[in-house]
Amino acid sequence: MIALAFLPLVRIAFRDLAAYMVPIASRIDWKNEIASAGYPAFAIFGSAAIVPWFLPLSIPVFVAVAGLFVCTWFSQGRKWLIYFLVTIFMLELSGQIDIKRVLFLTPWLFLAMGLAACSKASRHPWLASCAIATIVVSGWVGITSGNHYATADLNEPWEKVAKVVAQDARNGATIISENPSFFFYLDYQLGLESYTEAAPGTYLGDAVYRSHGFKVLESTDPQLRAENRSGKVILVIGSADNEDLQSAIALNGELRAHCIGLGQYRAAPDPAAAMKIQFTKAAPVLAYRTDVTWYDCLN
């Protein structure tokens, strides 16, 4: 009955998939595709605590995963492994693959791995068990050391930044950003948490901030025309959608050209910045995932 209930959505799903694939067919970047699909797949096994290019930990993971796949194929877990791989492939085709979505598929993978290691019908249970142990140990080595994370998400000090910037906002400064995490902490620092439940996102909107005496804008806001920039301006740049991030980077260039820089705070350097520049040429890359600049824009 559940399958029948979803049948009307199948046509819509295939239509959306076709709409996504047609525009990219003529401009597909294989390096970008391999990187965007390969890292989430690797992170399932090695965890985000291991960067694929740190070979002392990534090579054992790669070898163990290859051996585990072979063991799983010759066990009762084969069909669950196929389900997992097909769904990953569909996510990639639809352009929706990332670690958050892939994690929902791990029960199929864990079931396949468990059958390969514990089922009496498995041809190589001992090899599968050793492969799983290698993956687990490598992941925990990366977590314990804390020096081999592929992203700096856990090190982004947005709460600290919001606490400092909130004081500037109370003193009349214009706050500009595009980062959802920063807005989340800023809302609480400004005492606006009661508005967060009804807001569509962490940015509450210019009207809400203005009603409390604050000037907080997104980097794409049309109010940011040159003639409207005056006084102290604080630009907070962090990870965001490509279009929003490009707007913030462009705005930073304009502020540097027309305003006086008062100071800068950078944190959470991206360990994968060089790789992203090489493999994702169409997307903006931040050397630091937290970048705050104070400007004085004279009238």
C-alpha atoms as a PDB file:
ATOM      1  CA  MET A   1       0.000   0.000   0.000  1.00  0.00           C
ATOM      2  CA  ILE A   2       2.846   2.365   0.783  1.00  0.00           C
ATOM      3  CA  ALA A   3       4.414   1.683  -2.615  1.00  0.00           C
ATOM      4  CA  LEU A   4       1.094   2.338  -4.358  1.00  0.00           C
ATOM      5  CA  ALA A   5       0.692   5.603  -2.457  1.00  0.00           C
ATOM      6  CA  PHE A   6       4.023   6.815  -3.785  1.00  0.00           C
ATOM      7  CA  LEU A   7       3.365   5.886  -7.432  1.00  0.00           C
ATOM      8  CA  PRO A   8       1.991   9.355  -8.382  1.00  0.00           C
ATOM      9  CA  LEU A   9       5.282  10.867  -7.205  1.00  0.00           C
ATOM     10  CA  VAL A  10       7.440   8.638  -9.401  1.00  0.00           C
ATOM     11  CA  ARG A  11       6.564  10.550 -12.570  1.00  0.00           C
ATOM     12  CA  ILE A  12       7.387  13.844 -10.867  1.00  0.00           C
ATOM     13  CA  ALA A  13      10.683  12.451  -9.595  1.00  0.00           C
ATOM     14  CA  PHE A  14      11.769  11.308 -13.062  1.00  0.00           C
ATOM     15  CA  ARG A  15      10.684  14.645 -14.567  1.00  0.00           C
ATOM     16  CA  ASP A  16      12.804  16.548 -12.038  1.00  0.00           C
ATOM     17  CA  LEU A  17      15.713  14.195 -12.651  1.00  0.00           C
ATOM     18  CA  ALA A  18      15.501  14.806 -16.412  1.00  0.00           C
ATOM     19  CA  ALA A  19      15.325  18.558 -15.859  1.00  0.00           C
ATOM     20  CA  TYR A  20      18.481  18.420 -13.780  1.00  0.00           C
ATOM     21  CA  MET A  21      20.439  16.202 -16.154  1.00  0.00           C
ATOM     22  CA  VAL A  22      19.694  18.052 -19.400  1.00  0.00           C
ATOM     23  CA  PRO A  23      21.460  21.325 -18.473  1.00  0.00           C
ATOM     24  CA  ILE A  24      24.593  19.608 -17.173  1.00  0.00           C
ATOM     25  CA  ALA A  25      24.988  17.121 -20.030  1.00  0.00           C
ATOM     26  CA  SER A  26      27.011  19.526 -22.153  1.00  0.00           C
ATOM     27  CA  ARG A  27      29.148  20.969 -19.366  1.00  0.00           C
ATOM     28  CA  ILE A  28      29.844  18.095 -17.013  1.00  0.00           C
ATOM     29  CA  ASP A  29      33.092  18.415 -15.072  1.00  0.00           C
ATOM     30  CA  TRP A  30      34.283  14.919 -14.273  1.00  0.00           C
ATOM     31  CA  LYS A  31      36.810  16.091 -11.676  1.00  0.00           C
ATOM     32  CA  ASN A  32      34.066  17.925  -9.827  1.00  0.00           C
ATOM     33  CA  GLU A  33      31.686  14.962 -10.105  1.00  0.00           C
ATOM     34  CA  ILE A  34      34.280  12.529  -8.746  1.00  0.00           C
ATOM     35  CA  ALA A  35      35.129  14.850  -5.868  1.00  0.00           C
ATOM     36  CA  SER A  36      31.513  15.671  -4.946  1.00  0.00           C
ATOM     37  CA  ALA A  37      30.422  12.020  -5.022  1.00  0.00           C
ATOM     38  CA  GLY A  38      33.649  10.412  -3.876  1.00  0.00           C
ATOM     39  CA  TYR A  39      34.119  12.283  -0.612  1.00  0.00           C
ATOM     40  CA  PRO A  40      30.662  11.496   0.887  1.00  0.00           C
ATOM     41  CA  ALA A  41      31.142   7.850  -0.108  1.00  0.00           C
ATOM     42  CA  PHE A  42      34.595   7.765   1.494  1.00  0.00           C
ATOM     43  CA  ALA A  43      33.347   9.535   4.650  1.00  0.00           C
ATOM     44  CA  ILE A  44      30.796   6.774   5.277  1.00  0.00           C
ATOM     45  CA  PHE A  45      33.645   4.363   5.904  1.00  0.00           C
ATOM     46  CA  GLY A  46      36.599   6.510   6.966  1.00  0.00           C
ATOM     47  CA  SER A  47      34.449   9.164   8.683  1.00  0.00           C
ATOM     48  CA  ALA A  48      34.939  12.897   8.229  1.00  0.00           C
ATOM     49  CA  ALA A  49      37.907  12.643  10.597  1.00  0.00           C
ATOM     50  CA  ILE A  50      40.118  11.261   7.822  1.00  0.00           C
ATOM     51  CA  VAL A  51      41.031  13.249   4.737  1.00  0.00           C
ATOM     52  CA  PRO A  52      41.345  10.994   1.671  1.00  0.00           C
ATOM     53  CA  TRP A  53      44.766  12.440   0.856  1.00  0.00           C
ATOM     54  CA  PHE A  54      46.303  11.519   4.245  1.00  0.00           C
ATOM     55  CA  LEU A  55      47.613   8.225   2.949  1.00  0.00           C
ATOM     56  CA  PRO A  56      48.699   6.508   6.223  1.00  0.00           C
ATOM     57  CA  LEU A  57      45.019   6.354   7.226  1.00  0.00           C
ATOM     58  CA  SER A  58      43.178   6.512   3.910  1.00  0.00           C
ATOM     59  CA  ILE A  59      45.046   3.648   2.195  1.00  0.00           C
ATOM     60  CA  PRO A  60      44.057   1.094   4.892  1.00  0.00           C
ATOM     61  CA  VAL A  61      40.459   2.327   4.566  1.00  0.00           C
ATOM     62  CA  PHE A  62      40.485   1.997   0.770  1.00  0.00           C
ATOM     63  CA  VAL A  63      41.970  -1.516   0.921  1.00  0.00           C
ATOM     64  CA  ALA A  64      39.593  -2.619   3.682  1.00  0.00           C
ATOM     65  CA  VAL A  65      36.552  -1.261   1.821  1.00  0.00           C
ATOM     66  CA  ALA A  66      37.578  -3.055  -1.377  1.00  0.00           C
ATOM     67  CA  GLY A  67      37.984  -6.319   0.510  1.00  0.00           C
ATOM     68  CA  LEU A  68      34.718  -5.799   2.363  1.00  0.00           C
ATOM     69  CA  PHE A  69      32.836  -5.230  -0.889  1.00  0.00           C
ATOM     70  CA  VAL A  70      34.192  -8.493  -2.292  1.00  0.00           C
ATOM     71  CA  CYS A  71      33.208 -10.372   0.874  1.00  0.00           C
ATOM     72  CA  THR A  72      29.750  -8.795   0.860  1.00  0.00           C
ATOM     73  CA  TRP A  73      29.186  -9.679  -2.787  1.00  0.00           C
ATOM     74  CA  PHE A  74      29.696 -13.363  -1.973  1.00  0.00           C
ATOM     75  CA  SER A  75      27.317 -13.327   0.979  1.00  0.00           C
ATOM     76  CA  GLN A  76      23.654 -12.845   1.759  1.00  0.00           C
ATOM     77  CA  GLY A  77      24.342  -9.128   2.050  1.00  0.00           C
ATOM     78  CA  ARG A  78      24.749  -8.719  -1.714  1.00  0.00           C
ATOM     79  CA  LYS A  79      21.238  -7.415  -2.388  1.00  0.00           C
ATOM     80  CA  TRP A  80      21.497  -4.846   0.417  1.00  0.00           C
ATOM     81  CA  LEU A  81      24.799  -3.644  -0.978  1.00  0.00           C
ATOM     82  CA  ILE A  82      23.179  -3.306  -4.412  1.00  0.00           C
ATOM     83  CA  TYR A  83      20.307  -1.288  -2.918  1.00  0.00           C
ATOM     84  CA  PHE A  84      22.829   1.011  -1.277  1.00  0.00           C
ATOM     85  CA  LEU A  85      24.949   1.523  -4.403  1.00  0.00           C
ATOM     86  CA  VAL A  86      21.956   2.096  -6.690  1.00  0.00           C
ATOM     87  CA  THR A  87      20.545   4.723  -4.327  1.00  0.00           C
ATOM     88  CA  ILE A  88      23.920   6.466  -4.129  1.00  0.00           C
ATOM     89  CA  PHE A  89      24.019   6.511  -7.932  1.00  0.00           C
ATOM     90  CA  MET A  90      20.528   8.016  -8.089  1.00  0.00           C
ATOM     91  CA  LEU A  91      21.491  10.712  -5.596  1.00  0.00           C
ATOM     92  CA  GLU A  92      24.476  11.586  -7.748  1.00  0.00           C
ATOM     93  CA  LEU A  93      22.330  11.783 -10.883  1.00  0.00           C
ATOM     94  CA  SER A  94      19.889  14.094  -9.145  1.00  0.00           C
ATOM     95  CA  GLY A  95      22.669  16.338  -7.843  1.00  0.00           C
ATOM     96  CA  GLN A  96      21.562  15.785  -4.238  1.00  0.00           C
ATOM     97  CA  ILE A  97      24.421  13.712  -2.899  1.00  0.00           C
ATOM     98  CA  ASP A  98      26.033  14.866   0.328  1.00  0.00           C
ATOM     99  CA  ILE A  99      26.999  13.310   3.633  1.00  0.00           C
ATOM    100  CA  LYS A 100      23.727  14.234   5.362  1.00  0.00           C
ATOM    101  CA  ARG A 101      21.601  12.370   2.821  1.00  0.00           C
ATOM    102  CA  VAL A 102      23.972   9.438   2.442  1.00  0.00           C
ATOM    103  CA  LEU A 103      23.800   8.746   6.180  1.00  0.00           C
ATOM    104  CA  PHE A 104      20.129   7.799   5.845  1.00  0.00           C
ATOM    105  CA  LEU A 105      21.195   4.920   3.589  1.00  0.00           C
ATOM    106  CA  THR A 106      23.699   3.409   6.011  1.00  0.00           C
ATOM    107  CA  PRO A 107      21.265   0.848   7.525  1.00  0.00           C
ATOM    108  CA  TRP A 108      21.338  -1.034   4.199  1.00  0.00           C
ATOM    109  CA  LEU A 109      25.124  -0.871   4.206  1.00  0.00           C
ATOM    110  CA  PHE A 110      25.450  -1.977   7.838  1.00  0.00           C
ATOM    111  CA  LEU A 111      23.093  -4.891   7.223  1.00  0.00           C
ATOM    112  CA  ALA A 112      25.155  -5.962   4.213  1.00  0.00           C
ATOM    113  CA  MET A 113      28.396  -5.704   6.196  1.00  0.00           C
ATOM    114  CA  GLY A 114      26.920  -7.615   9.131  1.00  0.00           C
ATOM    115  CA  LEU A 115      25.751 -10.458   6.903  1.00  0.00           C
ATOM    116  CA  ALA A 116      29.176 -10.631   5.256  1.00  0.00           C
ATOM    117  CA  ALA A 117      30.921 -10.889   8.632  1.00  0.00           C
ATOM    118  CA  CYS A 118      28.471 -13.005  10.641  1.00  0.00           C
ATOM    119  CA  SER A 119      26.360 -15.065   8.259  1.00  0.00           C
ATOM    120  CA  LYS A 120      27.141 -18.768   8.062  1.00  0.00           C
ATOM    121  CA  ALA A 121      26.517 -18.575   4.320  1.00  0.00           C
ATOM    122  CA  SER A 122      29.272 -16.004   3.855  1.00  0.00           C
ATOM    123  CA  ARG A 123      32.355 -17.297   2.067  1.00  0.00           C
ATOM    124  CA  HIS A 124      34.869 -15.041   3.829  1.00  0.00           C
ATOM    125  CA  PRO A 125      33.496 -13.975   7.243  1.00  0.00           C
ATOM    126  CA  TRP A 126      36.939 -13.698   8.825  1.00  0.00           C
ATOM    127  CA  LEU A 127      38.201 -11.388   6.059  1.00  0.00           C
ATOM    128  CA  ALA A 128      35.057  -9.261   6.317  1.00  0.00           C
ATOM    129  CA  SER A 129      35.510  -8.974  10.093  1.00  0.00           C
ATOM    130  CA  CYS A 130      39.128  -7.876   9.668  1.00  0.00           C
ATOM    131  CA  ALA A 131      38.111  -5.291   7.062  1.00  0.00           C
ATOM    132  CA  ILE A 132      35.432  -3.850   9.369  1.00  0.00           C
ATOM    133  CA  ALA A 133      37.909  -3.734  12.260  1.00  0.00           C
ATOM    134  CA  THR A 134      40.440  -1.872  10.069  1.00  0.00           C
ATOM    135  CA  ILE A 135      37.835   0.704   9.047  1.00  0.00           C
ATOM    136  CA  VAL A 136      36.699   1.270  12.648  1.00  0.00           C
ATOM    137  CA  VAL A 137      40.237   1.566  14.031  1.00  0.00           C
ATOM    138  CA  SER A 138      41.327   3.971  11.259  1.00  0.00           C
ATOM    139  CA  GLY A 139      38.279   6.155  11.855  1.00  0.00           C
ATOM    140  CA  TRP A 140      38.870   6.346  15.594  1.00  0.00           C
ATOM    141  CA  VAL A 141      42.552   7.161  15.076  1.00  0.00           C
ATOM    142  CA  GLY A 142      41.453  10.122  12.972  1.00  0.00           C
ATOM    143  CA  ILE A 143      38.842  11.192  15.544  1.00  0.00           C
ATOM    144  CA  THR A 144      41.245  10.872  18.471  1.00  0.00           C
ATOM    145  CA  SER A 145      44.088  12.770  16.803  1.00  0.00           C
ATOM    146  CA  GLY A 146      41.782  15.498  15.502  1.00  0.00           C
ATOM    147  CA  ASN A 147      44.414  16.527  12.938  1.00  0.00           C
ATOM    148  CA  HIS A 148      43.051  14.940   9.779  1.00  0.00           C
ATOM    149  CA  TYR A 149      39.517  16.282   9.323  1.00  0.00           C
ATOM    150  CA  ALA A 150      38.570  17.038   5.725  1.00  0.00           C
ATOM    151  CA  THR A 151      36.386  19.986   6.764  1.00  0.00           C
ATOM    152  CA  ALA A 152      36.624  22.588   9.500  1.00  0.00           C
ATOM    153  CA  ASP A 153      32.912  22.698  10.369  1.00  0.00           C
ATOM    154  CA  LEU A 154      33.463  21.635  13.953  1.00  0.00           C
ATOM    155  CA  ASN A 155      36.058  24.375  14.456  1.00  0.00           C
ATOM    156  CA  GLU A 156      33.987  27.311  13.208  1.00  0.00           C
ATOM    157  CA  PRO A 157      33.652  29.663  16.229  1.00  0.00           C
ATOM    158  CA  TRP A 158      30.323  31.219  15.240  1.00  0.00           C
ATOM    159  CA  GLU A 159      29.084  31.592  18.805  1.00  0.00           C
ATOM    160  CA  LYS A 160      32.200  33.537  19.733  1.00  0.00           C
ATOM    161  CA  VAL A 161      31.956  35.684  16.587  1.00  0.00           C
ATOM    162  CA  ALA A 162      28.259  36.408  17.161  1.00  0.00           C
ATOM    163  CA  LYS A 163      28.930  37.509  20.741  1.00  0.00           C
ATOM    164  CA  VAL A 164      31.489  40.089  19.593  1.00  0.00           C
ATOM    165  CA  VAL A 165      29.532  41.276  16.559  1.00  0.00           C
ATOM    166  CA  ALA A 166      26.291  41.576  18.558  1.00  0.00           C
ATOM    167  CA  GLN A 167      27.926  44.293  20.672  1.00  0.00           C
ATOM    168  CA  ASP A 168      28.834  46.173  17.486  1.00  0.00           C
ATOM    169  CA  ALA A 169      25.232  45.824  16.303  1.00  0.00           C
ATOM    170  CA  ARG A 170      24.015  47.396  19.563  1.00  0.00           C
ATOM    171  CA  ASN A 171      26.390  50.293  18.921  1.00  0.00           C
ATOM    172  CA  GLY A 172      24.820  50.984  15.525  1.00  0.00           C
ATOM    173  CA  ALA A 173      27.096  49.079  13.149  1.00  0.00           C
ATOM    174  CA  THR A 174      25.747  47.486   9.968  1.00  0.00           C
ATOM    175  CA  ILE A 175      26.148  43.705  10.054  1.00  0.00           C
ATOM    176  CA  ILE A 176      26.325  41.847   6.723  1.00  0.00           C
ATOM    177  CA  SER A 177      26.584  38.090   6.255  1.00  0.00           C
ATOM    178  CA  GLU A 178      25.286  35.110   4.335  1.00  0.00           C
ATOM    179  CA  ASN A 179      26.142  32.339   6.799  1.00  0.00           C
ATOM    180  CA  PRO A 180      23.149  30.587   8.448  1.00  0.00           C
ATOM    181  CA  SER A 181      25.146  29.464  11.493  1.00  0.00           C
ATOM    182  CA  PHE A 182      26.290  33.004  12.225  1.00  0.00           C
ATOM    183  CA  PHE A 183      22.728  34.348  11.988  1.00  0.00           C
ATOM    184  CA  PHE A 184      21.537  31.575  14.326  1.00  0.00           C
ATOM    185  CA  TYR A 185      23.907  32.588  17.103  1.00  0.00           C
ATOM    186  CA  LEU A 186      23.478  36.303  16.405  1.00  0.00           C
ATOM    187  CA  ASP A 187      19.700  36.052  16.864  1.00  0.00           C
ATOM    188  CA  TYR A 188      20.200  34.670  20.372  1.00  0.00           C
ATOM    189  CA  GLN A 189      22.893  37.182  21.247  1.00  0.00           C
ATOM    190  CA  LEU A 190      20.540  40.011  20.233  1.00  0.00           C
ATOM    191  CA  GLY A 191      17.683  38.550  22.283  1.00  0.00           C
ATOM    192  CA  LEU A 192      15.565  37.708  19.235  1.00  0.00           C
ATOM    193  CA  GLU A 193      15.203  33.969  19.838  1.00  0.00           C
ATOM    194  CA  SER A 194      11.414  34.286  20.104  1.00  0.00           C
ATOM    195  CA  TYR A 195      11.286  35.100  16.382  1.00  0.00           C
ATOM    196  CA  THR A 196      13.238  32.057  15.251  1.00  0.00           C
ATOM    197  CA  GLU A 197      10.333  29.592  15.387  1.00  0.00           C
ATOM    198  CA  ALA A 198       8.238  31.510  12.841  1.00  0.00           C
ATOM    199  CA  ALA A 199      11.133  32.545  10.588  1.00  0.00           C
ATOM    200  CA  PRO A 200      11.800  30.527   7.398  1.00  0.00           C
ATOM    201  CA  GLY A 201      15.514  30.531   8.167  1.00  0.00           C
ATOM    202  CA  THR A 202      18.063  31.822  10.633  1.00  0.00           C
ATOM    203  CA  TYR A 203      18.020  35.260   8.987  1.00  0.00           C
ATOM    204  CA  LEU A 204      14.934  36.887  10.488  1.00  0.00           C
ATOM    205  CA  GLY A 205      14.525  39.627   7.894  1.00  0.00           C
ATOM    206  CA  ASP A 206      15.442  43.304   7.789  1.00  0.00           C
ATOM    207  CA  ALA A 207      12.084  44.401   9.281  1.00  0.00           C
ATOM    208  CA  VAL A 208      12.519  42.315  12.441  1.00  0.00           C
ATOM    209  CA  TYR A 209      16.052  43.534  13.073  1.00  0.00           C
ATOM    210  CA  ARG A 210      15.152  47.181  12.376  1.00  0.00           C
ATOM    211  CA  SER A 211      12.187  47.014  14.746  1.00  0.00           C
ATOM    212  CA  HIS A 212      14.691  46.339  17.533  1.00  0.00           C
ATOM    213  CA  GLY A 213      17.163  48.988  16.443  1.00  0.00           C
ATOM    214  CA  PHE A 214      19.611  46.747  14.588  1.00  0.00           C
ATOM    215  CA  LYS A 215      20.811  46.885  10.996  1.00  0.00           C
ATOM    216  CA  VAL A 216      21.480  43.309   9.898  1.00  0.00           C
ATOM    217  CA  LEU A 217      21.491  42.495   6.189  1.00  0.00           C
ATOM    218  CA  GLU A 218      22.225  39.605   3.880  1.00  0.00           C
ATOM    219  CA  SER A 219      25.029  40.079   1.364  1.00  0.00           C
ATOM    220  CA  THR A 220      22.495  39.911  -1.498  1.00  0.00           C
ATOM    221  CA  ASP A 221      20.286  42.683  -0.051  1.00  0.00           C
ATOM    222  CA  PRO A 222      19.630  45.508  -2.572  1.00  0.00           C
ATOM    223  CA  GLN A 223      20.049  48.038   0.254  1.00  0.00           C
ATOM    224  CA  LEU A 224      23.782  47.472   0.013  1.00  0.00           C
ATOM    225  CA  ARG A 225      24.204  49.883  -2.891  1.00  0.00           C
ATOM    226  CA  ALA A 226      27.286  52.054  -2.535  1.00  0.00           C
ATOM    227  CA  GLU A 227      25.310  55.173  -1.608  1.00  0.00           C
ATOM    228  CA  ASN A 228      23.727  53.356   1.349  1.00  0.00           C
ATOM    229  CA  ARG A 229      26.975  52.197   2.924  1.00  0.00           C
ATOM    230  CA  SER A 230      28.083  54.491   5.694  1.00  0.00           C
ATOM    231  CA  GLY A 231      29.499  54.263   9.174  1.00  0.00           C
ATOM    232  CA  LYS A 232      30.857  51.069  10.639  1.00  0.00           C
ATOM    233  CA  VAL A 233      30.227  47.980   8.537  1.00  0.00           C
ATOM    234  CA  ILE A 234      31.060  44.425   9.594  1.00  0.00           C
ATOM    235  CA  LEU A 235      31.182  41.754   6.908  1.00  0.00           C
ATOM    236  CA  VAL A 236      30.977  38.164   8.144  1.00  0.00           C
ATOM    237  CA  ILE A 237      31.809  35.540   5.523  1.00  0.00           C
ATOM    238  CA  GLY A 238      31.389  31.793   5.963  1.00  0.00           C
ATOM    239  CA  SER A 239      30.148  28.755   4.086  1.00  0.00           C
ATOM    240  CA  ALA A 240      26.880  29.284   2.180  1.00  0.00           C
ATOM    241  CA  ASP A 241      25.191  28.631  -1.163  1.00  0.00           C
ATOM    242  CA  ASN A 242      27.440  29.448  -4.112  1.00  0.00           C
ATOM    243  CA  GLU A 243      25.406  32.447  -5.247  1.00  0.00           C
ATOM    244  CA  ASP A 244      25.260  33.976  -1.763  1.00  0.00           C
ATOM    245  CA  LEU A 245      28.943  33.317  -1.157  1.00  0.00           C
ATOM    246  CA  GLN A 246      29.897  34.910  -4.477  1.00  0.00           C
ATOM    247  CA  SER A 247      27.874  37.997  -3.525  1.00  0.00           C
ATOM    248  CA  ALA A 248      29.657  38.220  -0.174  1.00  0.00           C
ATOM    249  CA  ILE A 249      33.095  37.883  -1.781  1.00  0.00           C
ATOM    250  CA  ALA A 250      32.240  40.540  -4.389  1.00  0.00           C
ATOM    251  CA  LEU A 251      30.925  42.851  -1.671  1.00  0.00           C
ATOM    252  CA  ASN A 252      34.134  42.364   0.308  1.00  0.00           C
ATOM    253  CA  GLY A 253      36.111  43.563  -2.713  1.00  0.00           C
ATOM    254  CA  GLU A 254      33.942  46.668  -3.017  1.00  0.00           C
ATOM    255  CA  LEU A 255      34.274  47.475   0.679  1.00  0.00           C
ATOM    256  CA  ARG A 256      38.042  47.105   0.492  1.00  0.00           C
ATOM    257  CA  ALA A 257      38.108  49.594  -2.394  1.00  0.00           C
ATOM    258  CA  HIS A 258      35.840  52.246  -0.857  1.00  0.00           C
ATOM    259  CA  CYS A 259      36.163  51.838   2.931  1.00  0.00           C
ATOM    260  CA  ILE A 260      38.894  51.809   5.545  1.00  0.00           C
ATOM    261  CA  GLY A 261      39.709  48.432   7.017  1.00  0.00           C
ATOM    262  CA  LEU A 262      39.696  48.471  10.815  1.00  0.00           C
ATOM    263  CA  GLY A 263      40.549  44.858  11.511  1.00  0.00           C
ATOM    264  CA  GLN A 264      40.042  41.256  10.526  1.00  0.00           C
ATOM    265  CA  TYR A 265      39.457  37.959  12.299  1.00  0.00           C
ATOM    266  CA  ARG A 266      39.956  34.608  10.577  1.00  0.00           C
ATOM    267  CA  ALA A 267      39.476  31.113  11.947  1.00  0.00           C
ATOM    268  CA  ALA A 268      38.909  27.498  10.880  1.00  0.00           C
ATOM    269  CA  PRO A 269      41.292  27.255   7.916  1.00  0.00           C
ATOM    270  CA  ASP A 270      39.901  24.842   5.342  1.00  0.00           C
ATOM    271  CA  PRO A 271      42.344  21.918   4.990  1.00  0.00           C
ATOM    272  CA  ALA A 272      40.789  21.033   1.647  1.00  0.00           C
ATOM    273  CA  ALA A 273      41.003  24.531   0.119  1.00  0.00           C
ATOM    274  CA  ALA A 274      43.784  23.641  -2.321  1.00  0.00           C
ATOM    275  CA  MET A 275      41.950  20.506  -3.458  1.00  0.00           C
ATOM    276  CA  LYS A 276      38.691  22.426  -3.904  1.00  0.00           C
ATOM    277  CA  ILE A 277      40.414  25.024  -6.077  1.00  0.00           C
ATOM    278  CA  GLN A 278      41.730  22.249  -8.277  1.00  0.00           C
ATOM    279  CA  PHE A 279      38.573  20.151  -8.542  1.00  0.00           C
ATOM    280  CA  THR A 280      35.687  22.627  -8.143  1.00  0.00           C
ATOM    281  CA  LYS A 281      36.642  25.541 -10.356  1.00  0.00           C
ATOM    282  CA  ALA A 282      33.081  26.833 -10.740  1.00  0.00           C
ATOM    283  CA  ALA A 283      32.506  27.251  -6.992  1.00  0.00           C
ATOM    284  CA  PRO A 284      34.032  29.899  -4.699  1.00  0.00           C
ATOM    285  CA  VAL A 285      36.536  28.564  -2.181  1.00  0.00           C
ATOM    286  CA  LEU A 286      37.214  30.018   1.267  1.00  0.00           C
ATOM    287  CA  ALA A 287      40.715  29.640   2.686  1.00  0.00           C
ATOM    288  CA  TYR A 288      39.145  30.290   6.101  1.00  0.00           C
ATOM    289  CA  ARG A 289      35.611  29.141   6.879  1.00  0.00           C
ATOM    290  CA  THR A 290      35.182  32.021   9.316  1.00  0.00           C
ATOM    291  CA  ASP A 291      36.223  35.440   8.015  1.00  0.00           C
ATOM    292  CA  VAL A 292      35.148  38.665   9.741  1.00  0.00           C
ATOM    293  CA  THR A 293      36.243  42.137   8.588  1.00  0.00           C
ATOM    294  CA  TRP A 294      35.497  45.483  10.222  1.00  0.00           C
ATOM    295  CA  TYR A 295      35.215  48.525   7.911  1.00  0.00           C
ATOM    296  CA  ASP A 296      34.710  52.247   8.387  1.00  0.00           C
ATOM    297  CA  CYS A 297      32.783  53.547   5.384  1.00  0.00           C
ATOM    298  CA  LEU A 298      33.026  57.355   5.423  1.00  0.00           C
ATOM    299  CA  ASN A 299      30.107  59.403   4.062  1.00  0.00           C
END
